[in-house]
């Protein structure tokens, strides 16, 4: 018995429902990249401005991405990016903060 199959046309790499999600995929990629930057730069005391700002923006984009996410794969990657962003943000704040003595 032959099974009918649907053609896979322009399906997103991260969509498990068979539909493209360009906004959610973009937010996911931005959150993961910002999380990686914040995580790595948090290991160096002198890069606290980079880690705190990239962590803060990564947290905000990840939170909005979670709010509008559709699939489990998007949510999984967003949680990883959010965790790395939060880690970098908090260590950046501990090492000097968002402004690092530039104000006041």
PDB file of N, CA and C in Angstrom:
ATOM      1  N   UNK A   1       0.842  -1.167   0.000  1.00  0.00           N
ATOM      2  CA  UNK A   1       0.000   0.000   0.000  1.00  0.00           C
ATOM      3  C   UNK A   1       0.889   1.232   0.000  1.00  0.00           C
ATOM      4  N   UNK A   2       0.667   2.094  -0.926  1.00  0.00           N
ATOM      5  CA  UNK A   2       1.498   3.286  -1.065  1.00  0.00           C
ATOM      6  C   UNK A   2       1.084   4.337  -0.045  1.00  0.00           C
ATOM      7  N   UNK A   3       2.090   4.957   0.526  1.00  0.00           N
ATOM      8  CA  UNK A   3       1.851   6.015   1.495  1.00  0.00           C
ATOM      9  C   UNK A   3       2.026   7.366   0.805  1.00  0.00           C
ATOM     10  N   UNK A   4       1.128   8.272   1.079  1.00  0.00           N
ATOM     11  CA  UNK A   4       1.235   9.616   0.510  1.00  0.00           C
ATOM     12  C   UNK A   4       2.210  10.428   1.349  1.00  0.00           C
ATOM     13  N   UNK A   5       3.104  11.112   0.688  1.00  0.00           N
ATOM     14  CA  UNK A   5       4.061  11.961   1.391  1.00  0.00           C
ATOM     15  C   UNK A   5       3.906  13.394   0.923  1.00  0.00           C
ATOM     16  N   UNK A   6       4.193  14.295   1.832  1.00  0.00           N
ATOM     17  CA  UNK A   6       4.146  15.702   1.497  1.00  0.00           C
ATOM     18  C   UNK A   6       5.540  16.161   1.085  1.00  0.00           C
ATOM     19  N   UNK A   7       5.636  16.993   0.067  1.00  0.00           N
ATOM     20  CA  UNK A   7       6.949  17.504  -0.309  1.00  0.00           C
ATOM     21  C   UNK A   7       7.477  18.478   0.740  1.00  0.00           C
ATOM     22  N   UNK A   8       8.758  18.395   1.014  1.00  0.00           N
ATOM     23  CA  UNK A   8       9.408  19.267   1.985  1.00  0.00           C
ATOM     24  C   UNK A   8       9.908  20.518   1.272  1.00  0.00           C
ATOM     25  N   UNK A   9       9.075  21.520   1.173  1.00  0.00           N
ATOM     26  CA  UNK A   9       9.467  22.738   0.466  1.00  0.00           C
ATOM     27  C   UNK A   9       9.707  23.864   1.455  1.00  0.00           C
ATOM     28  N   UNK A  10      10.891  24.436   1.405  1.00  0.00           N
ATOM     29  CA  UNK A  10      11.317  25.578   2.224  1.00  0.00           C
ATOM     30  C   UNK A  10      10.999  25.395   3.703  1.00  0.00           C
ATOM     31  N   UNK A  11      11.358  24.252   4.247  1.00  0.00           N
ATOM     32  CA  UNK A  11      11.137  23.983   5.655  1.00  0.00           C
ATOM     33  C   UNK A  11      12.350  24.459   6.431  1.00  0.00           C
ATOM     34  N   UNK A  12      12.097  25.135   7.511  1.00  0.00           N
ATOM     35  CA  UNK A  12      13.170  25.632   8.352  1.00  0.00           C
ATOM     36  C   UNK A  12      13.919  24.468   8.999  1.00  0.00           C
ATOM     37  N   UNK A  13      15.182  24.685   9.256  1.00  0.00           N
ATOM     38  CA  UNK A  13      16.011  23.655   9.882  1.00  0.00           C
ATOM     39  C   UNK A  13      15.518  23.342  11.292  1.00  0.00           C
ATOM     40  N   UNK A  14      14.983  24.334  11.985  1.00  0.00           N
ATOM     41  CA  UNK A  14      14.608  24.166  13.380  1.00  0.00           C
ATOM     42  C   UNK A  14      13.110  23.983  13.585  1.00  0.00           C
ATOM     43  N   UNK A  15      12.331  23.899  12.528  1.00  0.00           N
ATOM     44  CA  UNK A  15      10.891  23.741  12.662  1.00  0.00           C
ATOM     45  C   UNK A  15      10.529  22.265  12.620  1.00  0.00           C
ATOM     46  N   UNK A  16       9.860  21.798  13.641  1.00  0.00           N
ATOM     47  CA  UNK A  16       9.426  20.409  13.664  1.00  0.00           C
ATOM     48  C   UNK A  16       7.983  20.258  13.214  1.00  0.00           C
ATOM     49  N   UNK A  17       7.299  21.351  12.967  1.00  0.00           N
ATOM     50  CA  UNK A  17       5.922  21.273  12.513  1.00  0.00           C
ATOM     51  C   UNK A  17       5.795  21.404  11.000  1.00  0.00           C
ATOM     52  N   UNK A  18       6.905  21.476  10.306  1.00  0.00           N
ATOM     53  CA  UNK A  18       6.886  21.520   8.852  1.00  0.00           C
ATOM     54  C   UNK A  18       6.656  22.892   8.269  1.00  0.00           C
ATOM     55  N   UNK A  19       6.636  23.924   9.094  1.00  0.00           N
ATOM     56  CA  UNK A  19       6.427  25.288   8.616  1.00  0.00           C
ATOM     57  C   UNK A  19       7.662  26.124   8.917  1.00  0.00           C
ATOM     58  N   UNK A  20       7.970  27.085   8.064  1.00  0.00           N
ATOM     59  CA  UNK A  20       9.119  27.954   8.350  1.00  0.00           C
ATOM     60  C   UNK A  20       8.771  28.980   9.437  1.00  0.00           C
ATOM     61  N   UNK A  21       9.752  29.267  10.272  1.00  0.00           N
ATOM     62  CA  UNK A  21       9.605  30.254  11.344  1.00  0.00           C
ATOM     63  C   UNK A  21      10.809  31.191  11.306  1.00  0.00           C
ATOM     64  N   UNK A  22      10.852  32.114  10.355  1.00  0.00           N
ATOM     65  CA  UNK A  22      12.060  32.934  10.204  1.00  0.00           C
ATOM     66  C   UNK A  22      12.318  33.868  11.386  1.00  0.00           C
ATOM     67  N   UNK A  23      11.310  34.473  11.966  1.00  0.00           N
ATOM     68  CA  UNK A  23      11.519  35.373  13.099  1.00  0.00           C
ATOM     69  C   UNK A  23      12.020  34.603  14.312  1.00  0.00           C
ATOM     70  N   UNK A  24      11.405  33.481  14.598  1.00  0.00           N
ATOM     71  CA  UNK A  24      11.815  32.686  15.750  1.00  0.00           C
ATOM     72  C   UNK A  24      13.223  32.131  15.561  1.00  0.00           C
ATOM     73  N   UNK A  25      13.553  31.706  14.344  1.00  0.00           N
ATOM     74  CA  UNK A  25      14.902  31.198  14.077  1.00  0.00           C
ATOM     75  C   UNK A  25      15.944  32.297  14.207  1.00  0.00           C
ATOM     76  N   UNK A  26      15.603  33.492  13.769  1.00  0.00           N
ATOM     77  CA  UNK A  26      16.537  34.617  13.882  1.00  0.00           C
ATOM     78  C   UNK A  26      16.763  34.980  15.342  1.00  0.00           C
ATOM     79  N   UNK A  27      15.698  35.068  16.115  1.00  0.00           N
ATOM     80  CA  UNK A  27      15.844  35.365  17.540  1.00  0.00           C
ATOM     81  C   UNK A  27      16.638  34.283  18.257  1.00  0.00           C
ATOM     82  N   UNK A  28      16.423  33.039  17.859  1.00  0.00           N
ATOM     83  CA  UNK A  28      17.161  31.943  18.460  1.00  0.00           C
ATOM     84  C   UNK A  28      18.652  32.056  18.156  1.00  0.00           C
ATOM     85  N   UNK A  29      18.990  32.329  16.902  1.00  0.00           N
ATOM     86  CA  UNK A  29      20.398  32.447  16.519  1.00  0.00           C
ATOM     87  C   UNK A  29      21.061  33.635  17.205  1.00  0.00           C
ATOM     88  N   UNK A  30      20.371  34.763  17.270  1.00  0.00           N
ATOM     89  CA  UNK A  30      20.926  35.951  17.926  1.00  0.00           C
ATOM     90  C   UNK A  30      21.145  35.677  19.410  1.00  0.00           C
ATOM     91  N   UNK A  31      20.203  35.009  20.050  1.00  0.00           N
ATOM     92  CA  UNK A  31      20.338  34.704  21.475  1.00  0.00           C
ATOM     93  C   UNK A  31      21.507  33.759  21.733  1.00  0.00           C
ATOM     94  N   UNK A  32      21.668  32.758  20.899  1.00  0.00           N
ATOM     95  CA  UNK A  32      22.768  31.807  21.091  1.00  0.00           C
ATOM     96  C   UNK A  32      24.117  32.492  20.857  1.00  0.00           C
ATOM     97  N   UNK A  33      24.216  33.331  19.832  1.00  0.00           N
ATOM     98  CA  UNK A  33      25.482  34.034  19.558  1.00  0.00           C
ATOM     99  C   UNK A  33      25.805  35.009  20.682  1.00  0.00           C
ATOM    100  N   UNK A  34      24.826  35.794  21.114  1.00  0.00           N
ATOM    101  CA  UNK A  34      25.067  36.729  22.213  1.00  0.00           C
ATOM    102  C   UNK A  34      25.394  35.995  23.510  1.00  0.00           C
ATOM    103  N   UNK A  35      24.755  34.862  23.733  1.00  0.00           N
ATOM    104  CA  UNK A  35      25.074  34.060  24.910  1.00  0.00           C
ATOM    105  C   UNK A  35      26.500  33.536  24.879  1.00  0.00           C
ATOM    106  N   UNK A  36      26.940  33.094  23.703  1.00  0.00           N
ATOM    107  CA  UNK A  36      28.320  32.611  23.581  1.00  0.00           C
ATOM    108  C   UNK A  36      29.318  33.745  23.810  1.00  0.00           C
ATOM    109  N   UNK A  37      29.039  34.913  23.249  1.00  0.00           N
ATOM    110  CA  UNK A  37      29.921  36.067  23.454  1.00  0.00           C
ATOM    111  C   UNK A  37      29.965  36.448  24.927  1.00  0.00           C
ATOM    112  N   UNK A  38      28.800  36.521  25.562  1.00  0.00           N
ATOM    113  CA  UNK A  38      28.746  36.893  26.977  1.00  0.00           C
ATOM    114  C   UNK A  38      29.442  35.860  27.851  1.00  0.00           C
ATOM    115  N   UNK A  39      29.247  34.589  27.547  1.00  0.00           N
ATOM    116  CA  UNK A  39      29.846  33.525  28.349  1.00  0.00           C
ATOM    117  C   UNK A  39      31.363  33.552  28.259  1.00  0.00           C
ATOM    118  N   UNK A  40      31.885  33.664  27.038  1.00  0.00           N
ATOM    119  CA  UNK A  40      33.336  33.635  26.856  1.00  0.00           C
ATOM    120  C   UNK A  40      33.985  34.908  27.401  1.00  0.00           C
ATOM    121  N   UNK A  41      33.379  36.062  27.134  1.00  0.00           N
ATOM    122  CA  UNK A  41      33.990  37.313  27.586  1.00  0.00           C
ATOM    123  C   UNK A  41      33.855  37.509  29.088  1.00  0.00           C
ATOM    124  N   UNK A  42      32.971  36.780  29.741  1.00  0.00           N
ATOM    125  CA  UNK A  42      32.837  36.888  31.193  1.00  0.00           C
ATOM    126  C   UNK A  42      34.033  36.285  31.919  1.00  0.00           C
ATOM    127  N   UNK A  43      34.813  35.473  31.234  1.00  0.00           N
ATOM    128  CA  UNK A  43      35.977  34.853  31.864  1.00  0.00           C
ATOM    129  C   UNK A  43      37.131  35.838  32.054  1.00  0.00           C
ATOM    130  N   UNK A  44      37.040  37.004  31.423  1.00  0.00           N
ATOM    131  CA  UNK A  44      38.098  38.004  31.508  1.00  0.00           C
ATOM    132  C   UNK A  44      37.554  39.241  32.205  1.00  0.00           C
ATOM    133  N   UNK A  45      38.225  39.672  33.272  1.00  0.00           N
ATOM    134  CA  UNK A  45      37.753  40.814  34.060  1.00  0.00           C
ATOM    135  C   UNK A  45      37.670  42.092  33.235  1.00  0.00           C
ATOM    136  N   UNK A  46      38.603  42.275  32.328  1.00  0.00           N
ATOM    137  CA  UNK A  46      38.659  43.532  31.583  1.00  0.00           C
ATOM    138  C   UNK A  46      37.577  43.635  30.504  1.00  0.00           C
ATOM    139  N   UNK A  47      36.887  42.562  30.199  1.00  0.00           N
ATOM    140  CA  UNK A  47      35.833  42.578  29.179  1.00  0.00           C
ATOM    141  C   UNK A  47      34.438  42.630  29.794  1.00  0.00           C
ATOM    142  N   UNK A  48      34.324  43.244  30.979  1.00  0.00           N
ATOM    143  CA  UNK A  48      33.037  43.258  31.658  1.00  0.00           C
ATOM    144  C   UNK A  48      31.992  44.076  30.910  1.00  0.00           C
ATOM    145  N   UNK A  49      32.392  45.106  30.170  1.00  0.00           N
ATOM    146  CA  UNK A  49      31.420  45.865  29.385  1.00  0.00           C
ATOM    147  C   UNK A  49      30.812  44.999  28.287  1.00  0.00           C
ATOM    148  N   UNK A  50      31.652  44.259  27.591  1.00  0.00           N
ATOM    149  CA  UNK A  50      31.167  43.383  26.525  1.00  0.00           C
ATOM    150  C   UNK A  50      30.275  42.282  27.089  1.00  0.00           C
ATOM    151  N   UNK A  51      30.703  41.647  28.161  1.00  0.00           N
ATOM    152  CA  UNK A  51      29.921  40.537  28.703  1.00  0.00           C
ATOM    153  C   UNK A  51      28.602  41.010  29.306  1.00  0.00           C
ATOM    154  N   UNK A  52      28.606  42.144  29.981  1.00  0.00           N
ATOM    155  CA  UNK A  52      27.361  42.600  30.597  1.00  0.00           C
ATOM    156  C   UNK A  52      26.360  43.082  29.554  1.00  0.00           C
ATOM    157  N   UNK A  53      26.807  43.821  28.544  1.00  0.00           N
ATOM    158  CA  UNK A  53      25.871  44.314  27.526  1.00  0.00           C
ATOM    159  C   UNK A  53      25.389  43.202  26.609  1.00  0.00           C
ATOM    160  N   UNK A  54      26.289  42.327  26.176  1.00  0.00           N
ATOM    161  CA  UNK A  54      25.832  41.228  25.321  1.00  0.00           C
ATOM    162  C   UNK A  54      24.945  40.267  26.107  1.00  0.00           C
ATOM    163  N   UNK A  55      25.223  40.092  27.390  1.00  0.00           N
ATOM    164  CA  UNK A  55      24.363  39.262  28.220  1.00  0.00           C
ATOM    165  C   UNK A  55      22.979  39.868  28.397  1.00  0.00           C
ATOM    166  N   UNK A  56      22.921  41.180  28.607  1.00  0.00           N
ATOM    167  CA  UNK A  56      21.630  41.839  28.776  1.00  0.00           C
ATOM    168  C   UNK A  56      20.790  41.776  27.506  1.00  0.00           C
ATOM    169  N   UNK A  57      21.401  42.055  26.367  1.00  0.00           N
ATOM    170  CA  UNK A  57      20.671  41.990  25.099  1.00  0.00           C
ATOM    171  C   UNK A  57      20.279  40.548  24.786  1.00  0.00           C
ATOM    172  N   UNK A  58      21.154  39.594  25.113  1.00  0.00           N
ATOM    173  CA  UNK A  58      20.829  38.184  24.915  1.00  0.00           C
ATOM    174  C   UNK A  58      19.665  37.734  25.785  1.00  0.00           C
ATOM    175  N   UNK A  59      19.593  38.233  27.004  1.00  0.00           N
ATOM    176  CA  UNK A  59      18.468  37.906  27.881  1.00  0.00           C
ATOM    177  C   UNK A  59      17.172  38.465  27.313  1.00  0.00           C
ATOM    178  N   UNK A  60      17.212  39.698  26.832  1.00  0.00           N
ATOM    179  CA  UNK A  60      15.999  40.321  26.292  1.00  0.00           C
ATOM    180  C   UNK A  60      15.528  39.638  25.009  1.00  0.00           C
ATOM    181  N   UNK A  61      16.454  39.347  24.095  1.00  0.00           N
ATOM    182  CA  UNK A  61      16.045  38.675  22.858  1.00  0.00           C
ATOM    183  C   UNK A  61      15.599  37.245  23.135  1.00  0.00           C
ATOM    184  N   UNK A  62      16.244  36.582  24.071  1.00  0.00           N
ATOM    185  CA  UNK A  62      15.840  35.228  24.426  1.00  0.00           C
ATOM    186  C   UNK A  62      14.479  35.182  25.089  1.00  0.00           C
ATOM    187  N   UNK A  63      14.189  36.159  25.937  1.00  0.00           N
ATOM    188  CA  UNK A  63      12.886  36.198  26.587  1.00  0.00           C
ATOM    189  C   UNK A  63      11.777  36.439  25.569  1.00  0.00           C
ATOM    190  N   UNK A  64      12.005  37.345  24.630  1.00  0.00           N
ATOM    191  CA  UNK A  64      10.990  37.573  23.593  1.00  0.00           C
ATOM    192  C   UNK A  64      10.880  36.351  22.676  1.00  0.00           C
ATOM    193  N   UNK A  65      12.002  35.720  22.397  1.00  0.00           N
ATOM    194  CA  UNK A  65      11.974  34.509  21.585  1.00  0.00           C
ATOM    195  C   UNK A  65      11.197  33.390  22.252  1.00  0.00           C
ATOM    196  N   UNK A  66      11.347  33.258  23.559  1.00  0.00           N
ATOM    197  CA  UNK A  66      10.573  32.256  24.294  1.00  0.00           C
ATOM    198  C   UNK A  66       9.085  32.582  24.242  1.00  0.00           C
ATOM    199  N   UNK A  67       8.765  33.864  24.292  1.00  0.00           N
ATOM    200  CA  UNK A  67       7.369  34.282  24.287  1.00  0.00           C
ATOM    201  C   UNK A  67       6.679  33.917  22.979  1.00  0.00           C
ATOM    202  N   UNK A  68       7.392  34.013  21.855  1.00  0.00           N
ATOM    203  CA  UNK A  68       6.761  33.758  20.563  1.00  0.00           C
ATOM    204  C   UNK A  68       7.201  32.435  19.937  1.00  0.00           C
ATOM    205  N   UNK A  69       7.977  31.621  20.647  1.00  0.00           N
ATOM    206  CA  UNK A  69       8.473  30.374  20.064  1.00  0.00           C
ATOM    207  C   UNK A  69       7.328  29.406  19.805  1.00  0.00           C
ATOM    208  N   UNK A  70       7.544  28.547  18.808  1.00  0.00           N
ATOM    209  CA  UNK A  70       6.499  27.627  18.375  1.00  0.00           C
ATOM    210  C   UNK A  70       6.892  26.174  18.629  1.00  0.00           C
ATOM    211  N   UNK A  71       8.151  25.835  18.392  1.00  0.00           N
ATOM    212  CA  UNK A  71       8.563  24.440  18.474  1.00  0.00           C
ATOM    213  C   UNK A  71       9.485  24.199  19.669  1.00  0.00           C
ATOM    214  N   UNK A  72       9.631  22.942  20.011  1.00  0.00           N
ATOM    215  CA  UNK A  72      10.480  22.554  21.132  1.00  0.00           C
ATOM    216  C   UNK A  72      11.950  22.815  20.826  1.00  0.00           C
ATOM    217  N   UNK A  73      12.367  22.624  19.590  1.00  0.00           N
ATOM    218  CA  UNK A  73      13.763  22.874  19.225  1.00  0.00           C
ATOM    219  C   UNK A  73      14.128  24.336  19.431  1.00  0.00           C
ATOM    220  N   UNK A  74      13.229  25.233  19.076  1.00  0.00           N
ATOM    221  CA  UNK A  74      13.493  26.658  19.295  1.00  0.00           C
ATOM    222  C   UNK A  74      13.621  26.951  20.781  1.00  0.00           C
ATOM    223  N   UNK A  75      12.729  26.388  21.567  1.00  0.00           N
ATOM    224  CA  UNK A  75      12.762  26.634  23.004  1.00  0.00           C
ATOM    225  C   UNK A  75      14.024  26.067  23.646  1.00  0.00           C
ATOM    226  N   UNK A  76      14.459  24.917  23.170  1.00  0.00           N
ATOM    227  CA  UNK A  76      15.673  24.302  23.725  1.00  0.00           C
ATOM    228  C   UNK A  76      16.897  25.187  23.476  1.00  0.00           C
ATOM    229  N   UNK A  77      17.067  25.636  22.234  1.00  0.00           N
ATOM    230  CA  UNK A  77      18.209  26.491  21.920  1.00  0.00           C
ATOM    231  C   UNK A  77      18.098  27.834  22.620  1.00  0.00           C
ATOM    232  N   UNK A  78      16.884  28.357  22.751  1.00  0.00           N
ATOM    233  CA  UNK A  78      16.708  29.627  23.457  1.00  0.00           C
ATOM    234  C   UNK A  78      17.081  29.503  24.929  1.00  0.00           C
ATOM    235  N   UNK A  79      16.754  28.398  25.552  1.00  0.00           N
ATOM    236  CA  UNK A  79      17.120  28.202  26.956  1.00  0.00           C
ATOM    237  C   UNK A  79      18.633  28.122  27.117  1.00  0.00           C
ATOM    238  N   UNK A  80      19.310  27.448  26.196  1.00  0.00           N
ATOM    239  CA  UNK A  80      20.776  27.405  26.258  1.00  0.00           C
ATOM    240  C   UNK A  80      21.367  28.803  26.097  1.00  0.00           C
ATOM    241  N   UNK A  81      20.862  29.564  25.125  1.00  0.00           N
ATOM    242  CA  UNK A  81      21.335  30.929  24.929  1.00  0.00           C
ATOM    243  C   UNK A  81      21.018  31.835  26.095  1.00  0.00           C
ATOM    244  N   UNK A  82      19.838  31.674  26.681  1.00  0.00           N
ATOM    245  CA  UNK A  82      19.462  32.468  27.847  1.00  0.00           C
ATOM    246  C   UNK A  82      20.356  32.162  29.044  1.00  0.00           C
ATOM    247  N   UNK A  83      20.663  30.906  29.248  1.00  0.00           N
ATOM    248  CA  UNK A  83      21.539  30.545  30.360  1.00  0.00           C
ATOM    249  C   UNK A  83      22.931  31.113  30.207  1.00  0.00           C
ATOM    250  N   UNK A  84      23.480  31.017  29.004  1.00  0.00           N
ATOM    251  CA  UNK A  84      24.810  31.571  28.760  1.00  0.00           C
ATOM    252  C   UNK A  84      24.791  33.095  28.860  1.00  0.00           C
ATOM    253  N   UNK A  85      23.728  33.721  28.365  1.00  0.00           N
ATOM    254  CA  UNK A  85      23.608  35.179  28.459  1.00  0.00           C
ATOM    255  C   UNK A  85      23.509  35.630  29.905  1.00  0.00           C
ATOM    256  N   UNK A  86      22.719  34.922  30.697  1.00  0.00           N
ATOM    257  CA  UNK A  86      22.568  35.287  32.103  1.00  0.00           C
ATOM    258  C   UNK A  86      23.876  35.099  32.862  1.00  0.00           C
ATOM    259  N   UNK A  87      24.579  34.019  32.574  1.00  0.00           N
ATOM    260  CA  UNK A  87      25.877  33.790  33.217  1.00  0.00           C
ATOM    261  C   UNK A  87      26.843  34.925  32.890  1.00  0.00           C
ATOM    262  N   UNK A  88      26.934  35.281  31.610  1.00  0.00           N
ATOM    263  CA  UNK A  88      27.818  36.372  31.210  1.00  0.00           C
ATOM    264  C   UNK A  88      27.380  37.705  31.775  1.00  0.00           C
ATOM    265  N   UNK A  89      26.078  37.938  31.811  1.00  0.00           N
ATOM    266  CA  UNK A  89      25.564  39.192  32.355  1.00  0.00           C
ATOM    267  C   UNK A  89      25.906  39.328  33.834  1.00  0.00           C
ATOM    268  N   UNK A  90      25.661  38.290  34.606  1.00  0.00           N
ATOM    269  CA  UNK A  90      25.895  38.377  36.039  1.00  0.00           C
ATOM    270  C   UNK A  90      27.386  38.494  36.364  1.00  0.00           C
ATOM    271  N   UNK A  91      28.225  37.776  35.664  1.00  0.00           N
ATOM    272  CA  UNK A  91      29.663  37.928  35.911  1.00  0.00           C
ATOM    273  C   UNK A  91      30.167  39.287  35.425  1.00  0.00           C
ATOM    274  N   UNK A  92      29.623  39.776  34.318  1.00  0.00           N
ATOM    275  CA  UNK A  92      29.980  41.114  33.857  1.00  0.00           C
ATOM    276  C   UNK A  92      29.576  42.179  34.856  1.00  0.00           C
ATOM    277  N   UNK A  93      28.415  42.010  35.467  1.00  0.00           N
ATOM    278  CA  UNK A  93      27.980  42.953  36.500  1.00  0.00           C
ATOM    279  C   UNK A  93      28.875  42.867  37.727  1.00  0.00           C
ATOM    280  N   UNK A  94      29.320  41.677  38.061  1.00  0.00           N
ATOM    281  CA  UNK A  94      30.192  41.512  39.222  1.00  0.00           C
ATOM    282  C   UNK A  94      31.582  42.099  38.980  1.00  0.00           C
ATOM    283  N   UNK A  95      32.020  42.101  37.733  1.00  0.00           N
ATOM    284  CA  UNK A  95      33.358  42.604  37.422  1.00  0.00           C
ATOM    285  C   UNK A  95      33.405  44.106  37.142  1.00  0.00           C
ATOM    286  N   UNK A  96      32.257  44.760  37.040  1.00  0.00           N
ATOM    287  CA  UNK A  96      32.309  46.198  36.802  1.00  0.00           C
ATOM    288  C   UNK A  96      31.028  46.797  36.279  1.00  0.00           C
ATOM    289  N   UNK A  97      30.126  45.988  35.831  1.00  0.00           N
ATOM    290  CA  UNK A  97      28.814  46.490  35.455  1.00  0.00           C
ATOM    291  C   UNK A  97      28.686  46.947  34.031  1.00  0.00           C
ATOM    292  N   UNK A  98      27.529  47.526  33.755  1.00  0.00           N
ATOM    293  CA  UNK A  98      27.191  47.960  32.409  1.00  0.00           C
ATOM    294  C   UNK A  98      27.975  49.185  31.961  1.00  0.00           C
ATOM    295  N   UNK A  99      28.344  50.010  32.907  1.00  0.00           N
ATOM    296  CA  UNK A  99      29.053  51.239  32.541  1.00  0.00           C
ATOM    297  C   UNK A  99      30.491  51.249  33.046  1.00  0.00           C
ATOM    298  N   UNK A 100      30.829  50.408  33.973  1.00  0.00           N
ATOM    299  CA  UNK A 100      32.210  50.196  34.400  1.00  0.00           C
ATOM    300  C   UNK A 100      32.961  51.429  34.850  1.00  0.00           C
ATOM    301  N   UNK A 101      32.302  52.307  35.591  1.00  0.00           N
ATOM    302  CA  UNK A 101      32.963  53.513  36.064  1.00  0.00           C
ATOM    303  C   UNK A 101      32.955  54.649  35.070  1.00  0.00           C
ATOM    304  N   UNK A 102      32.323  54.460  33.924  1.00  0.00           N
ATOM    305  CA  UNK A 102      32.257  55.544  32.943  1.00  0.00           C
ATOM    306  C   UNK A 102      31.302  56.644  33.377  1.00  0.00           C
ATOM    307  N   UNK A 103      30.316  56.293  34.169  1.00  0.00           N
ATOM    308  CA  UNK A 103      29.379  57.273  34.720  1.00  0.00           C
ATOM    309  C   UNK A 103      29.618  57.389  36.217  1.00  0.00           C
ATOM    310  N   UNK A 104      29.807  58.583  36.696  1.00  0.00           N
ATOM    311  CA  UNK A 104      29.929  58.813  38.135  1.00  0.00           C
ATOM    312  C   UNK A 104      31.242  58.592  38.717  1.00  0.00           C
TER     313      UNK A 104
END
